Amino acid sequence: MNDAQRSARRVVVTGIGPVSAIGSGRNEFWDALMAGRNGFGPVTLCDVSDSPSKIGAEVKAFDLERYLDRGGQLARFTPRPTQFALAAAVLALHDSELDVDACDPERFGIHVGTSVGNFQAVMDSCSLRAKGLPVPPHTAFHGIHHSIACVVSSTLNIRGPIHTTSSGCNSGLDALGQSLRLIQSGAVDRMLVIGTDCELVPEVFAALNASESLATRWNDDPARASRPFDRGRDGNVLGEGAAALLLEAEDVARARKARTYARLAGYHVASAGYNRQYKHKDADVDLRPCVRALRGAIVDADWQVEDVDLVNANGSSSVAYDRIEALALGETFGECLPDVPVHSIKSMLGQHGAGSSALQAVTACLAIRRRGIPPTINHDDPDPACGALPVVTEALAHAPQRVLVHAIGLGGFYYSAAAFEAPMVRPGAFGEAMSGTMRVSWSVAAHPRYKPSELFQKPLVPWRPAQG
């Protein structure tokens, strides 16, 4: 492959695997988004009795056994974010209808994004030591962020590049962007990208309460707590979840007649610089890095500002950063802003690091293929400080062709954006293939720990991607 071929190599999304508080798997997740269902409630995973914020978005009734053979046994000593990553990976591979045995495992990589990693495992070991009890030997492994990627790689027998990105809430989007570059370089043919986090940990609550970052007014009415760009917002709502996306070089996907969701057309990350200090409640209103990230992704995708059909916003319900994002969108789009719908899925899912931004990417892909835009719930009283932002509050039957996804890093030190566009489709050509026509295949010999349950051995329920 020469330099010109590498620079022109296009990358497409051929499989998605959401694991979330409102549903897991593409259909359940999408249906919940379009219905405006939220995943909030009282926190049950940890003790928040001394926390001013007592609500979160939990993935209820999660069972790894549903996704992996002997998953229940594996779950006994595997931290929750790693379990989410495994489940998301299985969903994405099944959705992609990829013949795992036919892949060159050395040209197939894994990139995991995580914000706090297996933080609960570390805190559990601290608690055991304080009580004079022995620390489990697997703590040495699960205590590092990179263990999640190692477990996924081992379980799926994927032997190509293996990376971990930990850039806060942007980690899921940054893992996608860096994987895009790796495929474009010609080093690999496909990357399984996963964003996963569980921030429902007492120490995370304590730290973010100290910075006055969390919603506290809505403990008795959790469904209304996350209010992106609304005058009544008072902070983020923590949560948990994961999402996996299978990225493939377009020529490789074309060769196997894969159904595609979207092309990952561009990516950009921008840091703030300027000797910035961390302040959450009274953050610097500096729009420049956010605008650079948004415009950078648009340029990398070879779009014009007026080409963008939809913005999947960070919109975390942060008092400070919702305002910064809204004003930066105004500066980026200028006179075009009224014609660019903006929505935030965090109104239903809360903020949970890499899982949030990866789920945003999944939503962008589904919006393109399912011809719809999920609503932003709880946006009842638009905040004048956010300007005239065209926030979508009702589900729309709309067919966006180009979607910009945006994520903000903690403290406003950095901003990431990714550009997704509808694949080029001709009747009967690449991209129009109906899913559910193939079975995912793998051998026990090649993948001894990855024997999916009977549910995942069946073909998918067929659906034909919507055509523009």
Protein backbone atom coordinates (compact mmCIF):
# COMPACT_ATOMS: atom_id res chain seq x y z
CA MET A 1 0.00 0.00 0.00
CA ASN A 2 1.60 3.30 -1.06
CA ASP A 3 1.35 6.67 0.73
CA ALA A 4 -1.44 7.94 -1.55
CA GLN A 5 -3.51 4.83 -0.92
CA ARG A 6 -3.01 5.14 2.83
CA SER A 7 -4.01 8.81 2.93
CA ALA A 8 -7.14 8.07 0.88
CA ARG A 9 -8.19 5.02 2.88
CA ARG A 10 -11.75 5.42 4.10
CA VAL A 11 -13.02 3.98 7.37
CA VAL A 12 -16.56 2.77 8.06
CA VAL A 13 -18.53 1.56 11.07
CA THR A 14 -19.92 -1.93 10.46
CA GLY A 15 -21.02 -2.98 13.95
CA ILE A 16 -22.25 -1.33 17.13
CA GLY A 17 -22.76 -2.64 20.65
CA PRO A 18 -24.40 -0.32 23.21
CA VAL A 19 -24.71 -1.34 26.88
CA SER A 20 -26.63 1.31 28.75
CA ALA A 21 -29.05 2.21 31.51
CA ILE A 22 -31.89 2.46 28.98
CA GLY A 23 -31.18 -0.74 27.09
CA SER A 24 -28.50 -2.84 25.46
CA GLY A 25 -28.17 -3.89 21.83
CA ARG A 26 -28.97 -1.66 18.87
CA ASN A 27 -32.75 -2.09 18.77
CA GLU A 28 -33.48 -1.79 22.49
CA PHE A 29 -31.13 1.18 22.83
CA TRP A 30 -32.49 3.05 19.81
CA ASP A 31 -36.13 2.47 20.70
CA ALA A 32 -35.53 3.84 24.20
CA LEU A 33 -33.72 6.90 22.86
CA MET A 34 -36.47 7.76 20.41
CA ALA A 35 -39.11 7.27 23.12
CA GLY A 36 -37.23 9.67 25.42
CA ARG A 37 -36.88 7.08 28.20
CA ASN A 38 -34.39 7.89 30.91
CA GLY A 39 -32.28 5.52 32.99
CA PHE A 40 -32.13 7.50 36.23
CA GLY A 41 -33.02 6.40 39.72
CA PRO A 42 -31.68 6.10 43.27
CA VAL A 43 -28.15 4.67 43.34
CA THR A 44 -28.07 1.05 44.52
CA LEU A 45 -24.56 -0.02 43.48
CA CYS A 46 -22.83 1.87 46.27
CA ASP A 47 -23.55 3.76 49.46
CA VAL A 48 -24.38 7.40 48.72
CA SER A 49 -26.09 8.14 52.04
CA ASP A 50 -23.61 10.93 52.80
CA SER A 51 -23.60 12.31 49.26
CA PRO A 52 -25.63 15.42 48.37
CA SER A 53 -26.28 13.75 45.00
CA LYS A 54 -28.02 10.40 45.43
CA ILE A 55 -29.11 9.51 41.92
CA GLY A 56 -27.50 7.90 38.89
CA ALA A 57 -28.02 5.91 35.72
CA GLU A 58 -27.43 2.21 36.46
CA VAL A 59 -27.39 -0.69 34.00
CA LYS A 60 -30.05 -2.84 35.64
CA ALA A 61 -30.07 -6.64 35.70
CA PHE A 62 -26.78 -6.88 33.83
CA ASP A 63 -25.60 -10.47 33.43
CA LEU A 64 -22.40 -11.31 31.56
CA GLU A 65 -23.69 -14.85 31.12
CA ARG A 66 -26.07 -13.47 28.50
CA TYR A 67 -23.14 -12.49 26.32
CA LEU A 68 -20.36 -14.96 27.07
CA ASP A 69 -20.19 -18.67 27.69
CA ARG A 70 -19.25 -19.10 31.36
CA GLY A 71 -19.78 -15.37 31.72
CA GLY A 72 -21.10 -15.78 35.24
CA GLN A 73 -17.89 -17.46 36.30
CA LEU A 74 -15.80 -14.75 34.65
CA ALA A 75 -17.86 -12.04 36.34
CA ARG A 76 -16.90 -13.30 39.81
CA PHE A 77 -13.45 -11.70 39.59
CA THR A 78 -13.86 -9.23 36.72
CA PRO A 79 -14.64 -5.56 37.49
CA ARG A 80 -17.87 -4.12 36.18
CA PRO A 81 -16.37 -1.82 33.50
CA THR A 82 -14.51 -4.81 32.05
CA GLN A 83 -17.72 -6.84 32.00
CA PHE A 84 -19.47 -4.00 30.15
CA ALA A 85 -16.63 -3.89 27.64
CA LEU A 86 -16.90 -7.62 26.97
CA ALA A 87 -20.67 -7.43 26.50
CA ALA A 88 -20.38 -4.42 24.19
CA ALA A 89 -17.71 -6.20 22.15
CA VAL A 90 -19.89 -9.30 21.68
CA LEU A 91 -22.84 -7.14 20.62
CA ALA A 92 -20.74 -5.19 18.10
CA LEU A 93 -19.19 -8.31 16.58
CA HIS A 94 -22.55 -9.99 16.29
CA ASP A 95 -24.06 -6.86 14.79
CA SER A 96 -21.26 -6.64 12.24
CA GLU A 97 -21.78 -10.26 11.15
CA LEU A 98 -18.01 -10.56 10.98
CA ASP A 99 -16.59 -14.02 10.36
CA VAL A 100 -14.03 -13.87 13.13
CA ASP A 101 -12.25 -17.02 11.96
CA ALA A 102 -11.73 -15.53 8.50
CA CYS A 103 -9.95 -12.43 9.87
CA ASP A 104 -6.21 -12.05 10.12
CA PRO A 105 -5.99 -11.60 13.91
CA GLU A 106 -2.75 -9.65 13.57
CA ARG A 107 -4.41 -6.98 11.42
CA PHE A 108 -7.32 -6.66 13.82
CA GLY A 109 -6.74 -4.35 16.80
CA ILE A 110 -8.45 -3.23 19.98
CA HIS A 111 -8.60 0.25 21.44
CA VAL A 112 -10.33 0.84 24.77
CA GLY A 113 -11.21 4.25 26.11
CA THR A 114 -11.88 4.61 29.83
CA SER A 115 -11.98 7.51 32.24
CA VAL A 116 -11.75 5.98 35.73
CA GLY A 117 -11.09 2.39 34.63
CA ASN A 118 -11.54 -0.29 37.28
CA PHE A 119 -11.36 2.30 40.03
CA GLN A 120 -13.72 0.38 42.30
CA ALA A 121 -11.30 -2.58 42.32
CA VAL A 122 -8.52 -0.30 43.54
CA MET A 123 -10.69 1.17 46.29
CA ASP A 124 -11.82 -2.31 47.33
CA SER A 125 -8.19 -3.33 47.80
CA CYS A 126 -7.59 -0.22 49.92
CA SER A 127 -10.55 -1.19 52.09
CA LEU A 128 -9.24 -4.73 52.54
CA ARG A 129 -5.81 -3.47 53.55
CA ALA A 130 -7.34 -1.08 56.07
CA LYS A 131 -9.10 -4.06 57.65
CA GLY A 132 -5.92 -6.12 57.70
CA LEU A 133 -7.29 -8.55 55.10
CA PRO A 134 -5.34 -9.94 52.12
CA VAL A 135 -5.66 -8.24 48.74
CA PRO A 136 -6.77 -10.61 45.93
CA PRO A 137 -3.90 -11.42 43.57
CA HIS A 138 -5.84 -10.31 40.50
CA THR A 139 -5.90 -6.73 41.87
CA ALA A 140 -2.41 -6.20 40.46
CA PHE A 141 -3.85 -6.74 36.98
CA HIS A 142 -7.30 -5.20 37.21
CA GLY A 143 -5.96 -2.14 39.00
CA ILE A 144 -4.51 -0.73 35.78
CA HIS A 145 -6.66 0.84 33.06
CA HIS A 146 -5.09 -1.27 30.31
CA SER A 147 -6.37 -4.51 31.85
CA ILE A 148 -9.75 -3.97 30.17
CA ALA A 149 -8.23 -4.08 26.69
CA CYS A 150 -6.12 -7.08 27.70
CA VAL A 151 -9.18 -9.06 28.82
CA VAL A 152 -11.10 -8.25 25.63
CA SER A 153 -8.12 -9.13 23.45
CA SER A 154 -7.58 -12.42 25.25
CA THR A 155 -11.25 -13.38 25.23
CA LEU A 156 -11.72 -12.66 21.53
CA ASN A 157 -8.28 -13.90 20.43
CA ILE A 158 -7.53 -10.61 18.68
CA ARG A 159 -3.77 -10.27 18.26
CA GLY A 160 -3.22 -6.94 16.51
CA PRO A 161 -2.41 -3.57 18.12
CA ILE A 162 -3.86 -3.08 21.59
CA HIS A 163 -4.24 0.39 23.05
CA THR A 164 -5.90 2.18 25.95
CA THR A 165 -6.79 5.87 26.05
CA SER A 166 -7.69 7.61 29.28
CA SER A 167 -8.63 11.18 28.44
CA GLY A 168 -11.56 11.60 30.77
CA CYS A 169 -15.04 11.90 29.33
CA ASN A 170 -13.57 12.17 25.83
CA SER A 171 -11.90 8.76 26.03
CA GLY A 172 -14.48 6.90 23.95
CA LEU A 173 -14.35 9.48 21.17
CA ASP A 174 -10.56 9.77 21.33
CA ALA A 175 -10.18 5.99 21.05
CA LEU A 176 -12.27 6.16 17.87
CA GLY A 177 -10.21 9.01 16.44
CA GLN A 178 -6.90 7.32 17.12
CA SER A 179 -8.19 4.06 15.66
CA LEU A 180 -9.26 5.97 12.57
CA ARG A 181 -5.66 7.13 12.12
CA LEU A 182 -4.31 3.61 12.61
CA ILE A 183 -6.53 2.17 9.88
CA GLN A 184 -5.81 5.11 7.59
CA SER A 185 -2.09 4.44 8.03
CA GLY A 186 -2.54 0.92 6.67
CA ALA A 187 -1.20 -0.71 9.85
CA VAL A 188 -4.46 -2.62 10.42
CA ASP A 189 -7.65 -3.47 8.56
CA ARG A 190 -10.09 -3.19 11.44
CA MET A 191 -10.29 -1.96 15.02
CA LEU A 192 -12.73 -2.88 17.76
CA VAL A 193 -13.16 0.36 19.71
CA ILE A 194 -14.76 0.30 23.14
CA GLY A 195 -15.60 3.06 25.60
CA THR A 196 -16.48 1.83 29.08
CA ASP A 197 -16.84 3.30 32.55
CA CYS A 198 -18.69 2.92 35.84
CA GLU A 199 -18.53 6.15 37.79
CA LEU A 200 -21.00 5.02 40.44
CA VAL A 201 -18.26 4.74 43.04
CA PRO A 202 -18.38 6.47 46.47
CA GLU A 203 -15.02 8.17 45.99
CA VAL A 204 -16.06 9.53 42.57
CA PHE A 205 -19.22 10.94 44.12
CA ALA A 206 -17.14 12.49 46.91
CA ALA A 207 -14.67 14.11 44.52
CA LEU A 208 -17.30 15.52 42.18
CA ASN A 209 -19.48 16.68 45.07
CA ALA A 210 -16.47 18.59 46.37
CA SER A 211 -16.20 20.38 43.03
CA GLU A 212 -19.96 21.08 43.05
CA SER A 213 -20.26 19.27 39.71
CA LEU A 214 -23.28 17.05 40.43
CA ALA A 215 -27.04 17.59 40.37
CA THR A 216 -28.51 17.72 43.88
CA ARG A 217 -31.95 19.34 43.47
CA TRP A 218 -33.63 16.36 41.87
CA ASN A 219 -32.99 13.47 44.28
CA ASP A 220 -36.75 13.03 44.69
CA ASP A 221 -37.41 13.26 40.95
CA PRO A 222 -34.45 11.58 39.22
CA ALA A 223 -36.06 11.49 35.79
CA ARG A 224 -35.83 15.29 35.60
CA ALA A 225 -32.29 15.66 36.92
CA SER A 226 -30.26 15.84 33.69
CA ARG A 227 -31.30 19.03 31.90
CA PRO A 228 -28.91 19.98 29.09
CA PHE A 229 -28.94 23.67 28.20
CA ASP A 230 -31.95 24.23 30.50
CA ARG A 231 -32.16 27.13 32.94
CA GLY A 232 -32.96 24.71 35.77
CA ARG A 233 -29.89 22.47 35.40
CA ASP A 234 -27.63 22.18 38.42
CA GLY A 235 -24.99 19.66 37.42
CA ASN A 236 -24.14 16.28 35.96
CA VAL A 237 -25.81 13.00 36.85
CA LEU A 238 -23.35 10.13 37.14
CA GLY A 239 -23.90 6.81 35.43
CA GLU A 240 -22.32 3.75 33.87
CA GLY A 241 -22.28 1.94 30.56
CA ALA A 242 -20.26 1.08 27.50
CA ALA A 243 -20.35 0.97 23.74
CA ALA A 244 -18.30 -0.81 21.12
CA LEU A 245 -17.94 0.09 17.45
CA LEU A 246 -16.26 -2.06 14.82
CA LEU A 247 -14.26 0.13 12.44
CA GLU A 248 -13.10 -1.34 9.15
CA ALA A 249 -11.25 -0.03 6.13
CA GLU A 250 -13.93 0.53 3.52
CA ASP A 251 -12.25 -1.73 0.98
CA VAL A 252 -12.10 -4.55 3.52
CA ALA A 253 -15.75 -4.08 4.48
CA ARG A 254 -16.71 -3.94 0.81
CA ALA A 255 -14.93 -7.23 0.12
CA ARG A 256 -17.07 -9.05 2.68
CA LYS A 257 -20.25 -7.23 1.58
CA ALA A 258 -20.75 -5.77 5.03
CA ARG A 259 -23.68 -3.57 5.91
CA THR A 260 -22.38 -0.20 7.08
CA TYR A 261 -23.83 2.37 9.43
CA ALA A 262 -21.68 5.33 8.57
CA ARG A 263 -18.29 6.50 7.49
CA LEU A 264 -16.05 7.95 10.22
CA ALA A 265 -15.01 10.89 8.11
CA GLY A 266 -13.06 13.11 10.50
CA TYR A 267 -11.73 13.67 14.00
CA HIS A 268 -10.00 16.45 15.92
CA VAL A 269 -8.95 17.10 19.50
CA ALA A 270 -7.86 20.50 20.81
CA SER A 271 -6.37 21.45 24.15
CA ALA A 272 -6.88 24.80 25.83
CA GLY A 273 -3.32 25.68 26.81
CA TYR A 274 -2.79 29.19 28.26
CA ASN A 275 -1.72 28.06 31.75
CA ARG A 276 -5.28 27.09 32.55
CA GLN A 277 -6.20 26.18 36.13
CA TYR A 278 -8.86 23.66 37.11
CA LYS A 279 -12.15 25.31 38.08
CA HIS A 280 -15.45 23.58 37.60
CA LYS A 281 -18.01 25.88 39.14
CA ASP A 282 -16.46 29.08 37.78
CA ALA A 283 -14.76 27.82 34.63
CA ASP A 284 -12.99 30.09 32.19
CA VAL A 285 -15.34 31.01 29.37
CA ASP A 286 -12.80 30.41 26.63
CA LEU A 287 -14.51 29.24 23.46
CA ARG A 288 -11.39 28.94 21.33
CA PRO A 289 -10.36 25.33 22.04
CA CYS A 290 -13.93 24.08 21.64
CA VAL A 291 -14.32 25.92 18.35
CA ARG A 292 -10.98 24.54 17.13
CA ALA A 293 -12.10 20.99 17.86
CA LEU A 294 -15.44 21.42 16.08
CA ARG A 295 -13.97 23.16 13.07
CA GLY A 296 -11.03 20.74 12.98
CA ALA A 297 -13.32 17.72 12.65
CA ILE A 298 -15.32 19.47 9.93
CA VAL A 299 -12.15 20.26 7.98
CA ASP A 300 -10.74 16.75 8.47
CA ALA A 301 -13.98 15.35 7.04
CA ASP A 302 -13.66 17.69 4.04
CA TRP A 303 -17.00 19.28 4.88
CA GLN A 304 -18.17 22.85 5.01
CA VAL A 305 -19.92 24.20 8.09
CA GLU A 306 -23.21 24.31 6.22
CA ASP A 307 -22.94 20.58 5.44
CA VAL A 308 -23.56 19.51 9.06
CA ASP A 309 -27.08 18.13 9.54
CA LEU A 310 -26.97 17.33 13.25
CA VAL A 311 -24.83 17.94 16.33
CA ASN A 312 -24.74 15.25 19.00
CA ALA A 313 -23.65 17.55 21.81
CA ASN A 314 -21.71 16.90 24.98
CA GLY A 315 -24.72 18.46 26.76
CA SER A 316 -24.03 16.96 30.19
CA SER A 317 -26.21 19.37 32.19
CA SER A 318 -23.12 21.06 33.59
CA VAL A 319 -23.89 24.64 34.59
CA ALA A 320 -20.62 25.94 33.16
CA TYR A 321 -19.80 23.66 30.27
CA ASP A 322 -23.24 23.53 28.68
CA ARG A 323 -22.95 27.29 28.32
CA ILE A 324 -19.43 27.12 26.89
CA GLU A 325 -20.46 24.42 24.42
CA ALA A 326 -23.57 26.30 23.32
CA LEU A 327 -21.68 29.54 22.72
CA ALA A 328 -18.92 27.69 20.88
CA LEU A 329 -21.51 26.06 18.62
CA GLY A 330 -22.87 29.51 17.91
CA GLU A 331 -19.42 30.78 16.96
CA THR A 332 -18.68 27.69 14.86
CA PHE A 333 -21.88 27.69 12.83
CA GLY A 334 -22.70 31.39 12.81
CA GLU A 335 -25.70 32.15 10.60
CA CYS A 336 -26.13 28.42 9.88
CA LEU A 337 -26.86 27.57 13.54
CA PRO A 338 -30.69 27.82 13.35
CA ASP A 339 -30.63 25.13 10.66
CA VAL A 340 -28.49 22.65 12.65
CA PRO A 341 -30.46 20.51 15.12
CA VAL A 342 -28.65 19.89 18.41
CA HIS A 343 -29.45 17.08 20.82
CA SER A 344 -27.99 15.44 23.93
CA ILE A 345 -28.47 11.78 24.89
CA LYS A 346 -27.00 12.58 28.31
CA SER A 347 -30.42 13.94 29.21
CA MET A 348 -31.39 10.24 29.41
CA LEU A 349 -28.08 8.55 30.23
CA GLY A 350 -26.15 11.00 32.37
CA GLN A 351 -22.41 11.48 32.26
CA HIS A 352 -20.16 8.46 32.67
CA GLY A 353 -16.85 9.09 31.04
CA ALA A 354 -15.79 7.03 28.05
CA GLY A 355 -19.07 5.14 28.00
CA SER A 356 -20.94 8.39 27.37
CA SER A 357 -18.89 9.55 24.40
CA ALA A 358 -18.84 6.07 22.84
CA LEU A 359 -22.63 5.89 23.17
CA GLN A 360 -22.81 9.29 21.48
CA ALA A 361 -20.91 7.82 18.52
CA VAL A 362 -23.28 4.84 18.40
CA THR A 363 -26.24 7.22 18.42
CA ALA A 364 -24.78 9.19 15.52
CA CYS A 365 -24.49 6.00 13.48
CA LEU A 366 -28.05 4.99 14.30
CA ALA A 367 -29.41 8.46 13.52
CA ILE A 368 -27.93 8.17 10.03
CA ARG A 369 -29.15 4.64 9.37
CA ARG A 370 -32.50 4.78 11.17
CA ARG A 371 -33.38 8.23 9.82
CA GLY A 372 -34.25 9.78 13.13
CA ILE A 373 -33.10 12.19 15.81
CA PRO A 374 -33.69 11.31 19.48
CA PRO A 375 -35.01 14.08 21.71
CA THR A 376 -33.29 16.01 24.46
CA ILE A 377 -35.57 15.48 27.43
CA ASN A 378 -36.00 17.97 30.29
CA HIS A 379 -35.14 20.93 28.08
CA ASP A 380 -38.18 22.82 29.30
CA ASP A 381 -36.86 26.33 29.90
CA PRO A 382 -33.99 27.21 27.53
CA ASP A 383 -31.17 29.02 29.31
CA PRO A 384 -30.72 32.48 27.72
CA ALA A 385 -27.02 32.26 28.62
CA CYS A 386 -26.71 29.43 26.09
CA GLY A 387 -27.93 31.60 23.25
CA ALA A 388 -30.51 30.60 20.66
CA LEU A 389 -29.49 26.96 20.48
CA PRO A 390 -31.84 24.83 18.29
CA VAL A 391 -32.24 21.97 20.78
CA VAL A 392 -34.37 19.03 19.63
CA THR A 393 -36.98 18.26 22.30
CA GLU A 394 -39.19 15.83 20.38
CA ALA A 395 -38.11 12.79 18.39
CA LEU A 396 -37.78 13.74 14.74
CA ALA A 397 -38.23 11.59 11.65
CA HIS A 398 -35.29 13.19 9.91
CA ALA A 399 -32.46 11.74 7.81
CA PRO A 400 -29.18 13.39 8.80
CA GLN A 401 -26.37 12.71 6.34
CA ARG A 402 -23.57 14.32 8.34
CA VAL A 403 -23.42 14.23 12.14
CA LEU A 404 -20.89 15.98 14.35
CA VAL A 405 -20.27 14.42 17.78
CA HIS A 406 -18.71 16.53 20.52
CA ALA A 407 -17.21 15.75 23.93
CA ILE A 408 -15.71 17.98 26.62
CA GLY A 409 -12.87 16.93 28.91
CA LEU A 410 -13.00 17.54 32.64
CA GLY A 411 -12.11 21.12 33.51
CA GLY A 412 -12.36 22.36 29.94
CA PHE A 413 -8.71 21.50 29.25
CA TYR A 414 -9.51 19.73 25.98
CA TYR A 415 -12.31 19.16 23.49
CA SER A 416 -12.87 16.33 20.99
CA ALA A 417 -15.10 16.06 17.94
CA ALA A 418 -15.77 13.34 15.38
CA ALA A 419 -17.58 13.53 12.06
CA PHE A 420 -19.84 10.74 10.82
CA GLU A 421 -21.47 10.69 7.40
CA ALA A 422 -23.79 8.41 5.49
CA PRO A 423 -21.89 5.91 3.33
CA MET A 424 -22.03 6.24 -0.42
CA VAL A 425 -24.80 3.89 -1.46
CA ARG A 426 -26.07 2.80 -4.86
CA PRO A 427 -29.02 0.43 -5.32
CA GLY A 428 -27.77 -3.11 -4.91
CA ALA A 429 -24.27 -1.93 -4.02
CA PHE A 430 -22.03 -1.86 -0.96
CA GLY A 431 -23.79 -0.41 2.08
CA GLU A 432 -27.29 -1.57 1.20
CA ALA A 433 -26.82 -5.18 2.35
CA MET A 434 -29.58 -6.37 4.64
CA SER A 435 -28.35 -7.49 8.04
CA GLY A 436 -29.46 -10.78 9.48
CA THR A 437 -28.57 -12.70 6.33
CA MET A 438 -25.37 -14.15 7.72
CA ARG A 439 -24.37 -16.00 10.86
CA VAL A 440 -21.45 -14.84 12.92
CA SER A 441 -18.95 -17.70 12.95
CA TRP A 442 -16.00 -18.69 15.09
CA SER A 443 -14.40 -21.95 16.08
CA VAL A 444 -13.96 -23.35 19.56
CA ALA A 445 -10.37 -24.14 18.64
CA ALA A 446 -9.54 -20.54 17.71
CA HIS A 447 -11.73 -18.86 20.30
CA PRO A 448 -12.01 -21.24 23.26
CA ARG A 449 -13.34 -18.58 25.64
CA TYR A 450 -15.69 -16.95 23.20
CA LYS A 451 -18.59 -19.27 22.66
CA PRO A 452 -21.69 -17.08 22.56
CA SER A 453 -24.95 -18.20 24.01
CA GLU A 454 -27.66 -19.63 21.75
CA LEU A 455 -29.14 -16.16 21.38
CA PHE A 456 -26.02 -14.94 19.57
CA GLN A 457 -25.68 -18.00 17.36
CA LYS A 458 -28.90 -17.09 15.59
CA PRO A 459 -29.03 -14.63 12.69
CA LEU A 460 -30.05 -11.10 13.53
CA VAL A 461 -33.58 -9.96 12.92
CA PRO A 462 -33.20 -8.59 9.39
CA TRP A 463 -33.46 -4.89 8.82
CA ARG A 464 -32.63 -2.96 5.71
CA PRO A 465 -30.76 0.29 6.28
CA ALA A 466 -32.83 3.28 5.33
CA GLN A 467 -31.81 4.90 2.09
CA GLY A 468 -31.71 8.63 1.53
